[in-house]
Amino acid sequence: MQVTAEELRNRIVERWQAQASTRTIARELAISRSTVRRVLAAFEAQRSGDPQPARAKRPSKLDAWEPMIRDLLARYPNMTAARIYEELRAQGFTGHSTIVRELVSELRPRLLQPVVRFETGPGVQSQMDYSTYTLDFTVSGRRRVHLFGYVLGYSRRQYLRFVESQDFETTLREHIRAFEHLGGVATTCLYDNMKVVVSGFDGHEPIYNPRFLAFATHYGFKPWACRPRRPRTKGKVERPFSYVESSLFNGRTFQSLEHLNEVTRWWLEHVSDTHLHRTTNERPIDRHAREAPYLIPLPAQTFDPSPVAYRIVDAERLIPWRGNRYSVPWRYIGQTLPVRITESELVIYSPQVEPVARHPLHAAGVSGEKSILPEHQPRRDTERLEMLRERYASLHDSAVRFLDGMLASRRNAKDEAQKVLALLGTYTTADVLKALERATRYRAFSLSAVERILAVTARPKSLLQILADEARERLADLHPHPAVPPRPTSDYQSLLEEPADGEDQTDPDQVRQDKPNRETG
């Protein structure tokens, strides 16, 4: 039975007061004689009130490095002993890490409240969370970044990456990277109540985001929302954030977000994966080798988290996205086109869902920029006129007559003709054609005349109308042939007529066999 220090002290004093020798006390209590002498000396000093003489400190290899350790702890109070040992080795220290750990513990005593972790089997559970930091990069300046963390509960092997946002698409992309980094997916993943995962609560029961459930179903794992205000439930992913702050951040500077992620990848491989974990007393990389066979295999097709939005092409053949504008071919002016936004690219599709333009995506925080591809620019003015005639001809003959009148009477006819086409994004095609016909009738060949007519005679389309128009166009493309009309019932009357007297009677079974042939004839 293990005894406390106070109980051991009392037993030593009791035996000494009973005239037992130091050797006898040490033998009975299974301790060293020096321990007995030290306890008795402290007891005598306490009774007499005299201060106990300080023990002479033995010289150590670390004595010359102690000022450096104190300086590091002053600048980085939570810097780990392992990280300090790295800095000492870089400066030429040749001693062992044990004496560094002992001195750091002495210079920075801390009281730790023990927490019993709930352990799970291999492949059973993972945990995910974000941690936000404001960092001073030496090149890009001060920026706010978010650390995505995903850790396997059994092996404690983790995936970390710093990102600019905690939005839905970013969260899903980092999940996919974590799955690929770890070679599979745990059966369950714990989350706090982030909006990406949890849409709300019905009493105490979480309502999961349907889009996130589709993602989880694709990879075969079950999301599990923790109870609110219970951070220790996810301690396996919360604790590594402190480890990142003390081991990855301390004593290092970073040029940019990209440089930070490069160092993080190195740190994961050479420090996090290979250090001796305090709870498991094993390296995460070794336990992961045993956990990997229990992880859910990755699907053959990667889930695509890229959002799709609809945008109207304006008179300058540009579509807007988050404060910037991107070009499309001329023939789509005024149309509502689907746009898919990947991590680095913006892809624009035609109404037939065929890609018509690809642009590098502007970085977050950049606004007011235009991305215009050379092939979307007419090479000469006559080519621009040909494109306008082709677009107006696709609408109706009345639209061509309006264009001809505008070209004959207006100085900036081509610019105005583009802006008239852009009205198709606001009003229905039928309303725009009626306005063009009326403007032609009164020989009012101008953009302002068409706008005045539409303001009086038409109403702008709602978003639902825009999407419905796009759906109808897509369905028309899928069904180019007219539907087969129903046949009149007279075509089937002969099937019901009885045979006349004297005619050969047909076997009923033969009728049943022949009937399908007559129906299809």
Protein backbone atom coordinates (compact mmCIF):
# COMPACT_ATOMS: atom_id res chain seq x y z
CA MET A 1 0.00 0.00 0.00
CA GLN A 2 1.40 3.38 -1.04
CA VAL A 3 1.77 5.91 1.78
CA THR A 4 1.85 9.67 1.61
CA ALA A 5 4.91 11.76 2.44
CA GLU A 6 3.27 12.90 5.68
CA GLU A 7 2.58 9.32 6.80
CA LEU A 8 6.16 8.28 5.99
CA ARG A 9 7.49 11.21 8.02
CA ASN A 10 5.36 10.23 11.02
CA ARG A 11 6.53 6.59 10.91
CA ILE A 12 10.19 7.64 10.79
CA VAL A 13 9.78 10.01 13.76
CA GLU A 14 7.86 7.40 15.81
CA ARG A 15 10.61 4.79 15.39
CA TRP A 16 13.36 7.29 16.11
CA GLN A 17 11.64 8.39 19.32
CA ALA A 18 11.43 4.65 20.22
CA GLN A 19 15.27 4.58 20.13
CA ALA A 20 15.47 2.71 16.77
CA SER A 21 18.67 3.26 14.81
CA THR A 22 18.78 4.88 11.37
CA ARG A 23 19.74 1.55 9.79
CA THR A 24 16.79 -0.23 11.45
CA ILE A 25 14.29 2.45 10.42
CA ALA A 26 15.52 2.36 6.82
CA ARG A 27 15.28 -1.45 6.69
CA GLU A 28 11.77 -1.61 8.20
CA LEU A 29 10.36 1.09 5.95
CA ALA A 30 12.30 -0.01 2.82
CA ILE A 31 13.87 3.40 2.30
CA SER A 32 17.44 4.70 2.21
CA ARG A 33 19.31 5.84 5.32
CA SER A 34 19.91 9.25 3.73
CA THR A 35 16.15 9.73 3.49
CA VAL A 36 15.81 8.88 7.19
CA ARG A 37 18.56 11.34 8.15
CA ARG A 38 17.04 14.10 5.99
CA VAL A 39 13.57 13.68 7.53
CA LEU A 40 14.96 13.64 11.09
CA ALA A 41 17.10 16.73 10.42
CA ALA A 42 14.06 18.60 9.16
CA PHE A 43 12.06 17.46 12.20
CA GLU A 44 14.74 18.73 14.61
CA ALA A 45 15.02 22.03 12.77
CA GLN A 46 11.26 22.50 12.95
CA ARG A 47 11.19 21.80 16.71
CA SER A 48 14.11 24.12 17.49
CA GLY A 49 13.04 26.89 15.16
CA ASP A 50 16.47 27.01 13.50
CA PRO A 51 16.49 27.19 9.69
CA GLN A 52 17.53 23.99 8.01
CA PRO A 53 20.92 24.36 6.32
CA ALA A 54 20.63 24.50 2.54
CA ARG A 55 22.01 21.53 0.71
CA ALA A 56 24.99 22.25 -1.47
CA LYS A 57 23.96 22.29 -5.13
CA ARG A 58 25.97 19.95 -7.33
CA PRO A 59 27.45 21.50 -10.45
CA SER A 60 25.58 20.69 -13.66
CA LYS A 61 26.07 21.05 -17.41
CA LEU A 62 22.95 23.17 -17.39
CA ASP A 63 24.28 25.88 -15.06
CA ALA A 64 25.66 27.96 -17.93
CA TRP A 65 22.38 27.69 -19.82
CA GLU A 66 20.09 28.65 -16.95
CA PRO A 67 19.96 32.39 -17.89
CA MET A 68 18.84 31.44 -21.39
CA ILE A 69 16.12 29.17 -19.98
CA ARG A 70 14.90 31.91 -17.65
CA ASP A 71 14.79 34.35 -20.58
CA LEU A 72 12.77 31.94 -22.72
CA LEU A 73 10.29 31.31 -19.90
CA ALA A 74 9.95 35.05 -19.33
CA ARG A 75 9.07 35.63 -22.98
CA TYR A 76 7.05 32.44 -23.48
CA PRO A 77 5.57 31.39 -20.11
CA ASN A 78 3.94 28.23 -21.44
CA MET A 79 6.88 27.03 -23.53
CA THR A 80 7.38 23.30 -23.08
CA ALA A 81 10.59 21.73 -21.79
CA ALA A 82 10.91 19.81 -25.06
CA ARG A 83 10.77 23.05 -27.06
CA ILE A 84 13.35 24.66 -24.76
CA TYR A 85 15.56 21.62 -25.19
CA GLU A 86 15.38 22.12 -28.99
CA GLU A 87 16.59 25.71 -28.60
CA LEU A 88 19.44 24.68 -26.28
CA ARG A 89 20.59 21.96 -28.69
CA ALA A 90 20.56 24.51 -31.53
CA GLN A 91 22.90 26.68 -29.43
CA GLY A 92 25.32 23.82 -28.70
CA PHE A 93 24.01 22.20 -25.50
CA THR A 94 25.07 18.53 -25.34
CA GLY A 95 23.29 17.38 -22.17
CA HIS A 96 20.26 15.14 -21.82
CA SER A 97 16.66 16.36 -21.96
CA THR A 98 15.92 15.02 -18.44
CA ILE A 99 17.90 17.69 -16.60
CA VAL A 100 16.30 20.36 -18.81
CA ARG A 101 12.85 19.09 -17.86
CA GLU A 102 13.73 19.06 -14.15
CA LEU A 103 15.08 22.62 -14.21
CA VAL A 104 12.10 23.93 -16.20
CA SER A 105 9.78 22.29 -13.69
CA GLU A 106 11.70 23.96 -10.84
CA LEU A 107 11.72 27.39 -12.47
CA ARG A 108 8.10 27.20 -13.50
CA PRO A 109 6.13 25.21 -10.91
CA ARG A 110 2.52 24.63 -11.84
CA LEU A 111 -0.46 22.98 -10.24
CA LEU A 112 -2.26 20.61 -12.56
CA GLN A 113 -5.77 19.42 -11.90
CA PRO A 114 -5.94 15.81 -13.03
CA VAL A 115 -8.64 15.00 -15.58
CA VAL A 116 -9.57 11.40 -16.32
CA ARG A 117 -9.87 10.95 -20.10
CA PHE A 118 -12.50 8.68 -21.59
CA GLU A 119 -10.54 6.28 -23.76
CA THR A 120 -11.95 4.67 -26.90
CA GLY A 121 -10.84 1.76 -29.04
CA PRO A 122 -9.01 2.08 -32.36
CA GLY A 123 -11.07 3.67 -35.14
CA VAL A 124 -14.01 4.42 -32.85
CA GLN A 125 -13.80 8.15 -32.29
CA SER A 126 -12.22 11.36 -33.55
CA GLN A 127 -12.59 14.98 -32.46
CA MET A 128 -12.53 18.22 -34.45
CA ASP A 129 -12.38 21.89 -33.46
CA TYR A 130 -11.04 25.32 -34.40
CA SER A 131 -8.77 27.67 -32.47
CA THR A 132 -8.35 31.33 -33.52
CA TYR A 133 -5.11 33.32 -33.34
CA THR A 134 -3.94 36.79 -34.33
CA LEU A 135 -0.36 36.45 -35.56
CA ASP A 136 2.26 38.97 -36.68
CA PHE A 137 3.75 37.67 -39.93
CA THR A 138 7.08 39.22 -40.90
CA VAL A 139 6.04 39.70 -44.56
CA SER A 140 2.24 39.87 -44.73
CA GLY A 141 1.76 41.68 -41.40
CA ARG A 142 -0.81 41.02 -38.68
CA ARG A 143 -3.55 38.59 -39.65
CA ARG A 144 -6.28 36.63 -37.96
CA VAL A 145 -6.06 32.92 -38.74
CA HIS A 146 -7.95 29.83 -37.64
CA LEU A 147 -6.33 26.51 -36.76
CA PHE A 148 -8.32 23.48 -37.93
CA GLY A 149 -7.62 20.50 -35.69
CA TYR A 150 -8.67 16.86 -36.19
CA VAL A 151 -7.36 14.11 -33.88
CA LEU A 152 -7.94 10.36 -33.67
CA GLY A 153 -9.03 9.40 -30.16
CA TYR A 154 -7.08 6.15 -29.84
CA SER A 155 -3.70 6.99 -31.36
CA ARG A 156 -3.79 10.77 -30.68
CA ARG A 157 -2.34 11.32 -34.15
CA GLN A 158 -3.63 14.63 -35.47
CA TYR A 159 -3.98 16.80 -38.56
CA LEU A 160 -3.55 20.58 -38.28
CA ARG A 161 -3.79 23.38 -40.82
CA PHE A 162 -4.21 27.15 -40.55
CA VAL A 163 -6.97 28.67 -42.69
CA GLU A 164 -8.50 32.09 -43.30
CA SER A 165 -12.13 31.18 -42.59
CA GLN A 166 -14.30 28.73 -40.67
CA ASP A 167 -17.02 28.61 -43.34
CA PHE A 168 -18.76 25.49 -44.58
CA GLU A 169 -16.62 24.86 -47.65
CA THR A 170 -13.33 25.36 -45.79
CA THR A 171 -14.39 23.03 -42.97
CA LEU A 172 -15.30 20.26 -45.40
CA ARG A 173 -12.11 20.68 -47.42
CA GLU A 174 -9.98 20.39 -44.26
CA HIS A 175 -11.93 17.30 -43.18
CA ILE A 176 -11.06 15.70 -46.52
CA ARG A 177 -7.38 16.62 -46.11
CA ALA A 178 -7.42 15.18 -42.59
CA PHE A 179 -8.95 11.91 -43.80
CA GLU A 180 -6.31 11.61 -46.52
CA HIS A 181 -3.49 12.51 -44.10
CA LEU A 182 -4.60 9.87 -41.59
CA GLY A 183 -5.52 7.23 -44.15
CA GLY A 184 -9.16 6.78 -43.18
CA VAL A 185 -12.12 7.97 -41.12
CA ALA A 186 -13.12 7.20 -37.53
CA THR A 187 -16.64 5.90 -36.97
CA THR A 188 -17.74 8.91 -34.89
CA CYS A 189 -16.51 12.50 -34.75
CA LEU A 190 -17.18 14.86 -31.82
CA TYR A 191 -17.99 18.53 -32.47
CA ASP A 192 -19.06 21.55 -30.51
CA ASN A 193 -22.18 23.40 -31.69
CA MET A 194 -20.65 25.13 -34.71
CA LYS A 195 -23.19 26.22 -37.35
CA VAL A 196 -21.45 24.17 -40.02
CA VAL A 197 -22.47 20.99 -38.16
CA VAL A 198 -25.50 21.93 -36.03
CA SER A 199 -28.36 24.07 -37.39
CA GLY A 200 -30.19 24.34 -34.06
CA PHE A 201 -31.71 22.39 -31.18
CA ASP A 202 -35.08 20.77 -30.59
CA GLY A 203 -35.07 20.93 -26.81
CA HIS A 204 -31.79 19.24 -25.89
CA GLU A 205 -31.50 17.32 -29.16
CA PRO A 206 -29.25 18.79 -31.88
CA ILE A 207 -30.59 19.32 -35.41
CA TYR A 208 -27.73 18.62 -37.78
CA ASN A 209 -27.04 20.66 -40.91
CA PRO A 210 -28.44 18.59 -43.82
CA ARG A 211 -25.53 19.55 -46.08
CA PHE A 212 -23.04 18.36 -43.46
CA LEU A 213 -25.00 15.13 -43.00
CA ALA A 214 -24.69 14.52 -46.75
CA PHE A 215 -20.92 14.93 -46.39
CA ALA A 216 -20.77 12.63 -43.33
CA THR A 217 -22.87 10.02 -45.13
CA HIS A 218 -20.53 10.11 -48.12
CA TYR A 219 -17.58 9.19 -45.88
CA GLY A 220 -19.57 6.88 -43.62
CA PHE A 221 -19.03 8.52 -40.21
CA LYS A 222 -21.49 9.80 -37.63
CA PRO A 223 -21.26 13.40 -36.32
CA TRP A 224 -21.82 13.80 -32.58
CA ALA A 225 -22.53 17.25 -31.12
CA CYS A 226 -21.25 17.75 -27.56
CA ARG A 227 -23.42 19.25 -24.87
CA PRO A 228 -23.12 23.06 -24.70
CA ARG A 229 -20.59 24.52 -22.27
CA ARG A 230 -18.80 21.20 -21.83
CA PRO A 231 -15.31 21.86 -23.31
CA ARG A 232 -13.71 18.88 -21.53
CA THR A 233 -15.84 16.52 -23.59
CA LYS A 234 -13.47 17.25 -26.47
CA GLY A 235 -10.31 17.36 -24.39
CA LYS A 236 -8.34 15.23 -26.84
CA VAL A 237 -8.56 17.97 -29.46
CA GLU A 238 -8.59 20.95 -27.04
CA ARG A 239 -5.36 19.91 -25.28
CA PRO A 240 -3.25 19.77 -28.48
CA PHE A 241 -3.99 23.45 -29.10
CA SER A 242 -2.01 24.27 -25.95
CA TYR A 243 0.73 21.98 -27.22
CA VAL A 244 0.77 23.91 -30.52
CA GLU A 245 1.04 27.23 -28.69
CA SER A 246 3.89 26.05 -26.48
CA SER A 247 5.83 23.92 -28.97
CA LEU A 248 5.05 25.20 -32.47
CA PHE A 249 4.62 28.94 -31.85
CA ASN A 250 7.15 29.66 -29.13
CA GLY A 251 10.56 30.76 -30.32
CA ARG A 252 9.54 30.87 -34.00
CA THR A 253 8.52 33.59 -36.44
CA PHE A 254 6.55 33.12 -39.65
CA GLN A 255 6.67 35.05 -42.89
CA SER A 256 3.14 34.35 -44.11
CA LEU A 257 0.23 31.96 -43.79
CA GLU A 258 1.80 29.70 -46.41
CA HIS A 259 5.09 29.62 -44.47
CA LEU A 260 3.21 28.87 -41.25
CA ASN A 261 1.52 25.86 -42.86
CA GLU A 262 4.87 24.63 -44.23
CA VAL A 263 6.36 24.71 -40.72
CA THR A 264 3.20 23.07 -39.35
CA ARG A 265 3.55 20.15 -41.78
CA TRP A 266 7.18 19.69 -40.69
CA TRP A 267 6.20 19.97 -37.02
CA LEU A 268 3.45 17.35 -37.39
CA GLU A 269 5.86 14.86 -38.94
CA HIS A 270 8.94 15.41 -36.79
CA VAL A 271 7.52 16.53 -33.44
CA SER A 272 3.83 15.80 -32.93
CA ASP A 273 3.82 12.31 -34.48
CA THR A 274 7.02 11.21 -32.76
CA HIS A 275 6.81 12.66 -29.24
CA LEU A 276 5.96 10.45 -26.27
CA HIS A 277 2.35 11.17 -25.38
CA ARG A 278 1.79 11.75 -21.65
CA THR A 279 -1.42 9.72 -21.46
CA THR A 280 -0.61 6.76 -23.69
CA ASN A 281 3.16 6.71 -23.03
CA GLU A 282 3.57 5.89 -26.72
CA ARG A 283 4.32 7.80 -29.88
CA PRO A 284 1.14 8.73 -31.84
CA ILE A 285 2.68 7.43 -35.06
CA ASP A 286 3.19 3.99 -33.49
CA ARG A 287 -0.35 3.75 -32.13
CA HIS A 288 -1.71 4.99 -35.47
CA ALA A 289 -0.11 2.00 -37.19
CA ARG A 290 -2.29 -0.23 -35.00
CA GLU A 291 -5.38 1.98 -35.46
CA ALA A 292 -5.21 2.34 -39.26
CA PRO A 293 -6.80 -1.08 -40.07
CA TYR A 294 -9.89 -0.10 -38.02
CA LEU A 295 -10.52 3.20 -39.85
CA ILE A 296 -13.27 3.46 -42.47
CA PRO A 297 -11.61 3.34 -45.93
CA LEU A 298 -11.83 6.44 -48.11
CA PRO A 299 -14.42 6.33 -50.94
CA ALA A 300 -13.26 6.12 -54.54
CA GLN A 301 -14.85 9.51 -55.31
CA THR A 302 -13.89 12.54 -53.22
CA PHE A 303 -16.76 14.68 -51.96
CA ASP A 304 -16.87 18.07 -53.73
CA PRO A 305 -17.70 20.83 -51.20
CA SER A 306 -17.59 23.63 -53.79
CA PRO A 307 -20.69 25.85 -53.58
CA VAL A 308 -22.78 26.61 -56.67
CA ALA A 309 -24.51 29.98 -57.08
CA TYR A 310 -26.46 31.72 -59.84
CA ARG A 311 -25.23 35.08 -61.16
CA ILE A 312 -26.59 37.44 -63.84
CA VAL A 313 -24.21 38.51 -66.63
CA ASP A 314 -24.19 42.33 -66.79
CA ALA A 315 -23.80 44.62 -69.81
CA GLU A 316 -20.00 44.36 -69.59
CA ARG A 317 -20.30 40.52 -69.84
CA LEU A 318 -19.12 40.21 -66.20
CA ILE A 319 -20.57 38.35 -63.24
CA PRO A 320 -19.99 39.42 -59.61
CA TRP A 321 -18.61 37.25 -56.80
CA ARG A 322 -17.64 38.60 -53.36
CA GLY A 323 -16.74 42.11 -54.49
CA ASN A 324 -14.92 41.10 -57.70
CA ARG A 325 -16.12 40.51 -61.26
CA TYR A 326 -15.27 37.80 -63.78
CA SER A 327 -15.78 37.76 -67.57
CA VAL A 328 -17.92 35.41 -69.68
CA PRO A 329 -18.42 35.11 -73.47
CA TRP A 330 -20.53 37.81 -75.12
CA ARG A 331 -23.48 35.61 -76.04
CA TYR A 332 -24.45 35.20 -72.37
CA ILE A 333 -25.11 38.89 -71.61
CA GLY A 334 -28.33 39.18 -69.61
CA GLN A 335 -28.52 35.47 -68.78
CA THR A 336 -28.43 33.88 -65.34
CA LEU A 337 -25.58 31.35 -65.22
CA PRO A 338 -24.53 28.76 -62.61
CA VAL A 339 -21.14 29.40 -61.02
CA ARG A 340 -19.07 26.88 -59.05
CA ILE A 341 -16.46 28.20 -56.62
CA THR A 342 -13.58 25.89 -55.74
CA GLU A 343 -10.72 26.61 -53.37
CA SER A 344 -8.66 28.35 -56.06
CA GLU A 345 -10.88 28.68 -59.11
CA LEU A 346 -14.22 30.14 -60.25
CA VAL A 347 -15.93 28.09 -62.98
CA ILE A 348 -18.84 29.53 -65.00
CA TYR A 349 -21.30 27.22 -66.76
CA SER A 350 -23.76 27.71 -69.61
CA PRO A 351 -27.53 27.07 -69.13
CA GLN A 352 -26.77 23.58 -70.52
CA VAL A 353 -24.31 23.12 -67.60
CA GLU A 354 -21.23 23.15 -69.82
CA PRO A 355 -18.14 25.04 -68.57
CA VAL A 356 -17.66 28.26 -70.56
CA ALA A 357 -15.06 30.11 -68.44
CA ARG A 358 -12.50 29.40 -65.73
CA HIS A 359 -10.87 32.13 -63.63
CA PRO A 360 -8.28 32.06 -60.83
CA LEU A 361 -10.19 33.02 -57.69
CA HIS A 362 -9.17 36.30 -56.06
CA ALA A 363 -7.85 35.91 -52.52
CA ALA A 364 -10.09 36.59 -49.53
CA GLY A 365 -10.16 40.26 -48.62
CA VAL A 366 -9.47 41.43 -52.19
CA SER A 367 -12.33 43.42 -53.76
CA GLY A 368 -12.95 45.74 -56.70
CA GLU A 369 -10.87 43.63 -59.13
CA LYS A 370 -11.82 42.41 -62.61
CA SER A 371 -10.68 39.13 -64.17
CA ILE A 372 -11.14 39.36 -67.97
CA LEU A 373 -9.95 36.53 -70.17
CA PRO A 374 -8.53 37.54 -73.59
CA GLU A 375 -10.83 35.18 -75.49
CA HIS A 376 -13.85 37.03 -74.07
CA GLN A 377 -12.71 40.28 -75.72
CA PRO A 378 -13.78 40.89 -79.36
CA ARG A 379 -10.68 41.25 -81.50
CA ARG A 380 -12.23 43.99 -83.68
CA ASP A 381 -15.32 46.18 -83.75
CA THR A 382 -16.93 44.22 -86.59
CA GLU A 383 -16.69 41.03 -84.54
CA ARG A 384 -18.45 42.79 -81.68
CA LEU A 385 -21.27 43.79 -84.06
CA GLU A 386 -21.56 40.22 -85.32
CA MET A 387 -21.90 38.94 -81.75
CA LEU A 388 -24.64 41.48 -81.02
CA ARG A 389 -26.58 40.53 -84.16
CA GLU A 390 -26.29 36.85 -83.29
CA ARG A 391 -27.57 37.48 -79.75
CA TYR A 392 -30.51 39.64 -80.88
CA ALA A 393 -31.41 37.15 -83.60
CA SER A 394 -31.62 34.38 -80.99
CA LEU A 395 -34.37 36.39 -79.26
CA HIS A 396 -36.78 37.31 -82.11
CA ASP A 397 -37.04 39.13 -85.43
CA SER A 398 -38.51 42.15 -83.61
CA ALA A 399 -35.31 42.35 -81.53
CA VAL A 400 -33.23 42.48 -84.74
CA ARG A 401 -35.39 45.32 -86.09
CA PHE A 402 -34.83 47.27 -82.86
CA LEU A 403 -31.05 46.67 -83.10
CA ASP A 404 -30.98 47.90 -86.71
CA GLY A 405 -32.87 51.04 -85.74
CA MET A 406 -30.52 51.68 -82.82
CA LEU A 407 -27.43 51.21 -85.03
CA ALA A 408 -28.79 53.68 -87.55
CA SER A 409 -29.77 56.40 -85.07
CA ARG A 410 -27.54 56.21 -81.99
CA ARG A 411 -23.89 57.22 -81.73
CA ASN A 412 -23.02 54.66 -79.01
CA ALA A 413 -25.40 52.06 -80.33
CA LYS A 414 -23.25 49.01 -79.55
CA ASP A 415 -22.77 50.01 -75.90
CA GLU A 416 -26.51 50.65 -75.49
CA ALA A 417 -27.34 47.38 -77.26
CA GLN A 418 -25.25 45.50 -74.68
CA LYS A 419 -27.06 47.21 -71.82
CA VAL A 420 -30.45 46.37 -73.37
CA LEU A 421 -29.42 42.70 -73.38
CA ALA A 422 -28.49 43.00 -69.70
CA LEU A 423 -32.16 43.85 -68.97
CA LEU A 424 -32.94 40.18 -69.66
CA GLY A 425 -31.44 39.42 -66.26
CA THR A 426 -34.02 41.66 -64.56
CA TYR A 427 -37.16 41.16 -66.70
CA THR A 428 -38.63 38.17 -68.48
CA THR A 429 -37.78 37.65 -72.14
CA ALA A 430 -41.43 38.18 -73.11
CA ASP A 431 -41.59 41.55 -71.33
CA VAL A 432 -38.32 42.71 -72.92
CA LEU A 433 -39.51 41.69 -76.41
CA LYS A 434 -42.79 43.59 -75.93
CA ALA A 435 -40.83 46.65 -74.86
CA LEU A 436 -38.57 46.37 -77.94
CA GLU A 437 -41.57 46.03 -80.24
CA ARG A 438 -43.23 49.09 -78.70
CA ALA A 439 -40.02 51.12 -78.89
CA THR A 440 -39.65 50.15 -82.58
CA ARG A 441 -43.25 51.13 -83.31
CA TYR A 442 -42.62 54.63 -81.96
CA ARG A 443 -39.04 54.74 -83.34
CA ALA A 444 -37.63 55.22 -79.83
CA PHE A 445 -34.35 53.38 -80.41
CA SER A 446 -32.60 53.95 -77.07
CA LEU A 447 -31.83 52.21 -73.83
CA SER A 448 -33.66 54.84 -71.78
CA ALA A 449 -36.85 54.37 -73.84
CA VAL A 450 -36.81 50.60 -73.26
CA GLU A 451 -36.20 51.11 -69.54
CA ARG A 452 -39.15 53.55 -69.28
CA ILE A 453 -41.46 51.13 -71.09
CA LEU A 454 -40.44 48.23 -68.83
CA ALA A 455 -40.85 50.35 -65.70
CA VAL A 456 -44.51 50.99 -66.66
CA THR A 457 -45.52 47.69 -68.27
CA ALA A 458 -43.50 44.99 -66.51
CA ARG A 459 -42.34 43.81 -63.10
CA PRO A 460 -38.80 42.62 -62.33
CA LYS A 461 -38.29 38.88 -62.00
CA SER A 462 -38.01 37.37 -58.54
CA LEU A 463 -35.18 34.98 -57.71
CA LEU A 464 -37.60 32.04 -57.91
CA GLN A 465 -38.63 33.10 -61.41
CA ILE A 466 -34.99 33.31 -62.47
CA LEU A 467 -34.29 29.80 -61.23
CA ALA A 468 -37.52 28.49 -62.78
CA ASP A 469 -36.56 29.95 -66.18
CA GLU A 470 -33.19 28.25 -65.97
CA ALA A 471 -34.83 24.94 -65.05
CA ARG A 472 -37.24 25.17 -68.00
CA GLU A 473 -34.40 25.85 -70.41
CA ARG A 474 -32.49 22.86 -69.07
CA LEU A 475 -35.53 20.59 -69.35
CA ALA A 476 -36.12 21.76 -72.90
CA ASP A 477 -32.57 20.77 -73.76
CA LEU A 478 -33.08 17.35 -72.21
CA HIS A 479 -36.33 16.77 -74.15
CA PRO A 480 -35.80 18.26 -77.64
CA HIS A 481 -38.63 16.21 -79.25
CA PRO A 482 -42.31 16.97 -78.67
CA ALA A 483 -44.23 14.65 -76.37
CA VAL A 484 -46.17 11.79 -78.01
CA PRO A 485 -49.90 12.72 -77.99
CA PRO A 486 -52.46 10.30 -76.51
CA ARG A 487 -54.20 7.96 -78.97
CA PRO A 488 -57.99 8.10 -79.40
CA THR A 489 -60.02 5.33 -77.79
CA SER A 490 -61.50 4.42 -81.20
CA ASP A 491 -58.16 2.79 -82.07
CA TYR A 492 -58.85 0.22 -79.37
CA GLN A 493 -62.56 -0.38 -80.18
CA SER A 494 -61.85 -3.43 -82.32
CA LEU A 495 -60.48 -5.21 -79.32
CA LEU A 496 -63.89 -5.11 -77.66
CA GLU A 497 -66.05 -6.26 -80.61
CA GLU A 498 -67.64 -9.78 -80.51
CA PRO A 499 -67.08 -12.05 -83.57
CA ALA A 500 -70.12 -12.44 -85.94
CA ASP A 501 -72.08 -15.74 -86.18
CA GLY A 502 -70.43 -18.24 -88.44
CA GLU A 503 -67.00 -16.74 -88.05
CA ASP A 504 -64.21 -18.83 -86.68
CA GLN A 505 -64.04 -18.62 -82.91
CA THR A 506 -60.64 -17.82 -81.61
CA ASP A 507 -59.21 -19.59 -78.65
CA PRO A 508 -59.32 -17.21 -75.59
CA ASP A 509 -55.72 -18.02 -74.77
CA GLN A 510 -54.72 -17.04 -78.29
CA VAL A 511 -56.57 -13.72 -77.86
CA ARG A 512 -54.54 -12.99 -74.76
CA GLN A 513 -51.38 -13.74 -76.68
CA ASP A 514 -52.34 -11.65 -79.69
CA LYS A 515 -53.79 -8.70 -77.82
CA PRO A 516 -50.47 -7.02 -76.97
CA ASN A 517 -49.46 -7.23 -80.65
CA ARG A 518 -52.65 -5.48 -81.76
CA GLU A 519 -52.31 -2.79 -79.11
CA THR A 520 -48.82 -1.90 -80.20
CA GLY A 521 -49.74 -2.03 -83.89
